[in-house]
C-alpha atoms as a PDB file:
ATOM      1  CA  MET A   1      21.500 -13.285   1.258  1.00  0.00           C
ATOM      2  CA  LEU A   2      19.359 -10.648   0.050  1.00  0.00           C
ATOM      3  CA  GLU A   3      20.369  -8.461   3.213  1.00  0.00           C
ATOM      4  CA  LYS A   4      23.721  -7.512   1.547  1.00  0.00           C
ATOM      5  CA  ASP A   5      21.814  -5.215  -0.638  1.00  0.00           C
ATOM      6  CA  ILE A   6      20.074  -3.364   2.173  1.00  0.00           C
ATOM      7  CA  GLN A   7      21.652  -0.294   3.044  1.00  0.00           C
ATOM      8  CA  GLU A   8      19.657   0.321   6.485  1.00  0.00           C
ATOM      9  CA  ILE A   9      16.644  -1.220   8.272  1.00  0.00           C
ATOM     10  CA  LEU A  10      13.756   1.469   8.603  1.00  0.00           C
ATOM     11  CA  PHE A  11      11.350  -0.831  10.243  1.00  0.00           C
ATOM     12  CA  SER A  12      11.660  -3.719  11.807  1.00  0.00           C
ATOM     13  CA  GLU A  13       9.233  -6.778  11.849  1.00  0.00           C
ATOM     14  CA  GLU A  14       8.522  -5.589  15.480  1.00  0.00           C
ATOM     15  CA  GLN A  15       7.462  -1.959  14.586  1.00  0.00           C
ATOM     16  CA  LEU A  16       5.530  -3.344  11.669  1.00  0.00           C
ATOM     17  CA  ALA A  17       3.833  -5.623  13.469  1.00  0.00           C
ATOM     18  CA  SER A  18       3.368  -2.907  16.412  1.00  0.00           C
ATOM     19  CA  ARG A  19       1.937  -0.339  13.757  1.00  0.00           C
ATOM     20  CA  VAL A  20      -0.280  -2.857  11.822  1.00  0.00           C
ATOM     21  CA  ASN A  21      -2.197  -3.754  14.861  1.00  0.00           C
ATOM     22  CA  GLU A  22      -2.625   0.340  15.810  1.00  0.00           C
ATOM     23  CA  ILE A  23      -4.264   0.691  12.178  1.00  0.00           C
ATOM     24  CA  ALA A  24      -6.334  -2.187  12.688  1.00  0.00           C
ATOM     25  CA  ARG A  25      -7.588  -0.910  15.949  1.00  0.00           C
ATOM     26  CA  GLN A  26      -8.290   2.524  13.840  1.00  0.00           C
ATOM     27  CA  VAL A  27     -10.285   0.828  11.516  1.00  0.00           C
ATOM     28  CA  THR A  28     -12.303  -1.347  13.527  1.00  0.00           C
ATOM     29  CA  GLN A  29     -13.099   1.594  15.848  1.00  0.00           C
ATOM     30  CA  ASP A  30     -14.104   3.490  12.902  1.00  0.00           C
ATOM     31  CA  TYR A  31     -16.126   0.934  11.097  1.00  0.00           C
ATOM     32  CA  GLN A  32     -18.402  -0.527  13.493  1.00  0.00           C
ATOM     33  CA  GLY A  33     -21.263  -2.171  12.751  1.00  0.00           C
ATOM     34  CA  LYS A  34     -20.585  -1.592   9.218  1.00  0.00           C
ATOM     35  CA  GLU A  35     -18.762  -4.496   6.824  1.00  0.00           C
ATOM     36  CA  ILE A  36     -15.638  -3.398   4.841  1.00  0.00           C
ATOM     37  CA  VAL A  37     -13.957  -4.331   1.331  1.00  0.00           C
ATOM     38  CA  LEU A  38     -10.108  -4.223   1.762  1.00  0.00           C
ATOM     39  CA  ILE A  39      -8.769  -3.884  -2.055  1.00  0.00           C
ATOM     40  CA  SER A  40      -4.971  -4.333  -2.082  1.00  0.00           C
ATOM     41  CA  VAL A  41      -3.506  -2.577  -4.659  1.00  0.00           C
ATOM     42  CA  LEU A  42      -0.998  -5.512  -6.150  1.00  0.00           C
ATOM     43  CA  ARG A  43       1.622  -6.567  -5.609  1.00  0.00           C
ATOM     44  CA  GLY A  44       3.191  -4.538  -3.247  1.00  0.00           C
ATOM     45  CA  SER A  45       0.590  -4.381  -0.246  1.00  0.00           C
ATOM     46  CA  PHE A  46      -0.293  -7.926  -0.293  1.00  0.00           C
ATOM     47  CA  VAL A  47       1.666  -8.652   2.959  1.00  0.00           C
ATOM     48  CA  PHE A  48       0.549  -5.665   4.603  1.00  0.00           C
ATOM     49  CA  MET A  49      -2.960  -6.221   3.725  1.00  0.00           C
ATOM     50  CA  ALA A  50      -3.139 -10.023   5.052  1.00  0.00           C
ATOM     51  CA  ASP A  51      -1.140  -8.615   8.397  1.00  0.00           C
ATOM     52  CA  LEU A  52      -4.090  -5.704   8.321  1.00  0.00           C
ATOM     53  CA  CYS A  53      -7.042  -8.003   7.600  1.00  0.00           C
ATOM     54  CA  ARG A  54      -6.373 -10.665  10.163  1.00  0.00           C
ATOM     55  CA  ARG A  55      -6.293  -8.012  12.973  1.00  0.00           C
ATOM     56  CA  ILE A  56      -9.284  -6.011  12.121  1.00  0.00           C
ATOM     57  CA  ASP A  57     -12.529  -7.135  14.379  1.00  0.00           C
ATOM     58  CA  LEU A  58     -14.979  -6.714  11.859  1.00  0.00           C
ATOM     59  CA  PRO A  59     -16.733  -8.587   8.987  1.00  0.00           C
ATOM     60  CA  CYS A  60     -14.548  -7.885   5.827  1.00  0.00           C
ATOM     61  CA  THR A  61     -13.966  -9.190   2.333  1.00  0.00           C
ATOM     62  CA  VAL A  62     -10.996  -8.674   0.380  1.00  0.00           C
ATOM     63  CA  ASP A  63     -10.534  -8.035  -3.508  1.00  0.00           C
ATOM     64  CA  PHE A  64      -7.494  -7.270  -5.327  1.00  0.00           C
ATOM     65  CA  MET A  65      -6.597  -5.054  -8.075  1.00  0.00           C
ATOM     66  CA  ALA A  66      -3.264  -4.650 -10.092  1.00  0.00           C
ATOM     67  CA  VAL A  67      -2.377  -0.805 -11.146  1.00  0.00           C
ATOM     68  CA  SER A  68       0.968  -0.018 -12.737  1.00  0.00           C
ATOM     69  CA  SER A  69       2.595   3.342 -13.344  1.00  0.00           C
ATOM     70  CA  TYR A  70       6.549   2.081 -12.494  1.00  0.00           C
ATOM     71  CA  GLY A  71       7.072  -0.311 -15.022  1.00  0.00           C
ATOM     72  CA  SER A  72      10.523  -2.088 -14.138  1.00  0.00           C
ATOM     73  CA  GLY A  73      11.953   1.099 -13.090  1.00  0.00           C
ATOM     74  CA  THR A  74      12.340   3.167  -9.665  1.00  0.00           C
ATOM     75  CA  SER A  75      10.253   5.820 -10.583  1.00  0.00           C
ATOM     76  CA  SER A  76       6.661   6.351 -11.868  1.00  0.00           C
ATOM     77  CA  THR A  77       6.426   6.925 -15.688  1.00  0.00           C
ATOM     78  CA  GLY A  78       3.073   8.948 -15.291  1.00  0.00           C
ATOM     79  CA  GLN A  79       1.086   6.350 -17.188  1.00  0.00           C
ATOM     80  CA  VAL A  80      -1.432   4.650 -15.363  1.00  0.00           C
ATOM     81  CA  GLN A  81      -2.403   1.311 -16.157  1.00  0.00           C
ATOM     82  CA  ILE A  82      -4.749  -1.293 -14.585  1.00  0.00           C
ATOM     83  CA  THR A  83      -3.617  -4.779 -15.114  1.00  0.00           C
ATOM     84  CA  LYS A  84      -6.205  -6.306 -12.901  1.00  0.00           C
ATOM     85  CA  ASP A  85      -9.609  -5.305 -12.128  1.00  0.00           C
ATOM     86  CA  LEU A  86     -11.776  -5.933  -8.974  1.00  0.00           C
ATOM     87  CA  SER A  87     -13.562  -9.041  -9.169  1.00  0.00           C
ATOM     88  CA  SER A  88     -16.923  -7.815  -7.390  1.00  0.00           C
ATOM     89  CA  ASP A  89     -18.914  -4.777  -7.523  1.00  0.00           C
ATOM     90  CA  ILE A  90     -18.073  -2.266  -4.910  1.00  0.00           C
ATOM     91  CA  ALA A  91     -21.347   0.028  -5.324  1.00  0.00           C
ATOM     92  CA  GLY A  92     -22.927   0.601  -1.956  1.00  0.00           C
ATOM     93  CA  LYS A  93     -20.023  -0.845   0.146  1.00  0.00           C
ATOM     94  CA  HIS A  94     -17.384   0.752   2.262  1.00  0.00           C
ATOM     95  CA  ILE A  95     -14.023   0.586   0.834  1.00  0.00           C
ATOM     96  CA  ILE A  96     -10.388   0.874   2.204  1.00  0.00           C
ATOM     97  CA  VAL A  97      -8.164   1.055  -0.488  1.00  0.00           C
ATOM     98  CA  VAL A  98      -4.497  -0.734   0.832  1.00  0.00           C
ATOM     99  CA  GLU A  99      -1.862   0.412  -0.602  1.00  0.00           C
ATOM    100  CA  ASP A 100       2.421  -0.352   0.069  1.00  0.00           C
ATOM    101  CA  ILE A 101       3.302   3.085  -0.792  1.00  0.00           C
ATOM    102  CA  LEU A 102       2.009   6.628  -1.470  1.00  0.00           C
ATOM    103  CA  ASP A 103       5.240   8.370  -3.603  1.00  0.00           C
ATOM    104  CA  SER A 104       4.071  10.794  -6.394  1.00  0.00           C
ATOM    105  CA  GLY A 105       0.624  10.210  -5.813  1.00  0.00           C
ATOM    106  CA  ASN A 106      -0.371   9.931  -9.471  1.00  0.00           C
ATOM    107  CA  THR A 107      -1.193   6.211  -9.395  1.00  0.00           C
ATOM    108  CA  LEU A 108      -3.546   6.541  -6.313  1.00  0.00           C
ATOM    109  CA  SER A 109      -5.122   9.906  -7.304  1.00  0.00           C
ATOM    110  CA  TYR A 110      -6.242   7.763 -10.441  1.00  0.00           C
ATOM    111  CA  LEU A 111      -7.344   4.854  -9.130  1.00  0.00           C
ATOM    112  CA  LEU A 112      -9.351   6.772  -6.219  1.00  0.00           C
ATOM    113  CA  LYS A 113     -11.378   8.625  -8.920  1.00  0.00           C
ATOM    114  CA  LEU A 114     -11.536   5.723 -10.715  1.00  0.00           C
ATOM    115  CA  LEU A 115     -13.314   3.512  -7.857  1.00  0.00           C
ATOM    116  CA  ALA A 116     -15.537   6.576  -6.602  1.00  0.00           C
ATOM    117  CA  GLN A 117     -17.047   6.220 -10.190  1.00  0.00           C
ATOM    118  CA  ARG A 118     -18.669   2.971  -8.911  1.00  0.00           C
ATOM    119  CA  LYS A 119     -20.443   4.733  -6.149  1.00  0.00           C
ATOM    120  CA  PRO A 120     -19.381   2.907  -3.054  1.00  0.00           C
ATOM    121  CA  ALA A 121     -20.760   3.895   0.326  1.00  0.00           C
ATOM    122  CA  SER A 122     -17.612   5.387   1.456  1.00  0.00           C
ATOM    123  CA  ILE A 123     -13.768   4.912   0.059  1.00  0.00           C
ATOM    124  CA  ARG A 124     -10.768   5.710   2.387  1.00  0.00           C
ATOM    125  CA  LEU A 125      -6.998   5.337   1.613  1.00  0.00           C
ATOM    126  CA  CYS A 126      -4.505   3.385   3.871  1.00  0.00           C
ATOM    127  CA  THR A 127      -0.749   3.122   2.944  1.00  0.00           C
ATOM    128  CA  LEU A 128       1.987   1.320   4.931  1.00  0.00           C
ATOM    129  CA  LEU A 129       4.437   4.074   3.886  1.00  0.00           C
ATOM    130  CA  ASP A 130       3.920   7.766   2.802  1.00  0.00           C
ATOM    131  CA  LYS A 131       6.856   9.579   1.113  1.00  0.00           C
ATOM    132  CA  PRO A 132       5.260  13.239   0.861  1.00  0.00           C
ATOM    133  CA  GLU A 133       8.719  14.488  -0.326  1.00  0.00           C
ATOM    134  CA  ARG A 134       7.901  13.362  -4.006  1.00  0.00           C
ATOM    135  CA  ARG A 135       4.224  13.996  -4.009  1.00  0.00           C
ATOM    136  CA  THR A 136       3.078  15.770  -7.234  1.00  0.00           C
ATOM    137  CA  LYS A 137      -0.658  15.105  -6.938  1.00  0.00           C
ATOM    138  CA  PRO A 138      -2.912  15.684  -3.985  1.00  0.00           C
ATOM    139  CA  VAL A 139      -4.349  12.434  -2.050  1.00  0.00           C
ATOM    140  CA  GLU A 140      -5.998  12.261   1.152  1.00  0.00           C
ATOM    141  CA  VAL A 141      -4.639   9.192   3.476  1.00  0.00           C
ATOM    142  CA  HIS A 142      -6.897   8.171   6.031  1.00  0.00           C
ATOM    143  CA  TYR A 143      -4.722   5.484   7.658  1.00  0.00           C
ATOM    144  CA  SER A 144      -0.978   5.986   7.495  1.00  0.00           C
ATOM    145  CA  GLY A 145       1.673   3.351   8.634  1.00  0.00           C
ATOM    146  CA  PHE A 146       4.696   5.892   8.443  1.00  0.00           C
ATOM    147  CA  THR A 147       6.310   8.620   6.885  1.00  0.00           C
ATOM    148  CA  ILE A 148       9.668   7.788   5.152  1.00  0.00           C
ATOM    149  CA  PRO A 149      12.551   9.993   3.606  1.00  0.00           C
ATOM    150  CA  ASP A 150      12.738   9.865  -0.468  1.00  0.00           C
ATOM    151  CA  ALA A 151      14.550   6.515  -0.628  1.00  0.00           C
ATOM    152  CA  PHE A 152      13.968   3.293  -2.306  1.00  0.00           C
ATOM    153  CA  VAL A 153      12.827   0.789  -0.065  1.00  0.00           C
ATOM    154  CA  VAL A 154      12.085  -2.974  -0.245  1.00  0.00           C
ATOM    155  CA  GLY A 155      10.907  -5.651   2.041  1.00  0.00           C
ATOM    156  CA  TYR A 156       7.488  -6.653   3.546  1.00  0.00           C
ATOM    157  CA  GLY A 157       5.986  -6.759  -0.027  1.00  0.00           C
ATOM    158  CA  LEU A 158       7.830  -3.649  -1.419  1.00  0.00           C
ATOM    159  CA  ASP A 159      10.061  -5.141  -4.026  1.00  0.00           C
ATOM    160  CA  TYR A 160      12.762  -4.186  -6.859  1.00  0.00           C
ATOM    161  CA  ALA A 161      12.623  -5.984  -9.735  1.00  0.00           C
ATOM    162  CA  GLU A 162       9.954  -8.498  -7.979  1.00  0.00           C
ATOM    163  CA  HIS A 163      12.740  -9.204  -5.542  1.00  0.00           C
ATOM    164  CA  TYR A 164      12.973  -8.437  -1.820  1.00  0.00           C
ATOM    165  CA  ARG A 165       9.416  -8.927  -1.455  1.00  0.00           C
ATOM    166  CA  ASN A 166      10.047 -11.606   1.622  1.00  0.00           C
ATOM    167  CA  LEU A 167      12.243  -9.597   3.929  1.00  0.00           C
ATOM    168  CA  PRO A 168      10.476  -9.773   7.002  1.00  0.00           C
ATOM    169  CA  TYR A 169      11.412  -5.942   7.304  1.00  0.00           C
ATOM    170  CA  ILE A 170      11.641  -2.627   5.388  1.00  0.00           C
ATOM    171  CA  GLY A 171      14.867  -1.396   4.469  1.00  0.00           C
ATOM    172  CA  ILE A 172      16.829   1.010   2.060  1.00  0.00           C
ATOM    173  CA  LEU A 173      18.016  -0.483  -1.016  1.00  0.00           C
ATOM    174  CA  LYS A 174      21.601   0.210  -1.346  1.00  0.00           C
ATOM    175  CA  PRO A 175      21.793   2.746  -4.955  1.00  0.00           C
ATOM    176  CA  GLU A 176      24.472   0.526  -6.436  1.00  0.00           C
ATOM    177  CA  VAL A 177      22.003  -2.348  -6.568  1.00  0.00           C
ATOM    178  CA  TYR A 178      19.260  -0.635  -8.745  1.00  0.00           C
ATOM    179  CA  GLY A 179      21.784   2.228 -10.243  1.00  0.00           C
ATOM    180  CA  GLY A 180      20.889   5.142  -8.354  1.00  0.00           C
END
């Protein structure tokens, strides 16, 4: 039923699983002998983080933040709002912020600065999707799944108006669905 709204599949279930495995291997290698904290930026990254976490071969814990700059639209409002903060202290810990998509960089730039003020041992960014054409603020990405074109994508946790998160692939939403 949801498939009728998809213009094109960008990444299949198999492609996503393969790339998540590669990222997890790299994280495991980079953090040998250390414990990490994965911080999911809700809601879009929960599927990606769950898969990534299961494939990392290190001691790790998870935490969640909800940060918004989109409201119910398809582009950033520029105003960042934290709607759910971390449950635990990250001081002295190695953290990896896990995000679904890096778009303008506005939200992640704000979030990374905020987290750095909490004095973690290290902080890195892992994004499933990177849309560099839309970047307005510089953000350093340490782990990136895929670079994508400037299109509105859904699936694998990403949504439009809270729908399409449950698609097992990532696809481009037809513009007529969101008025684009």
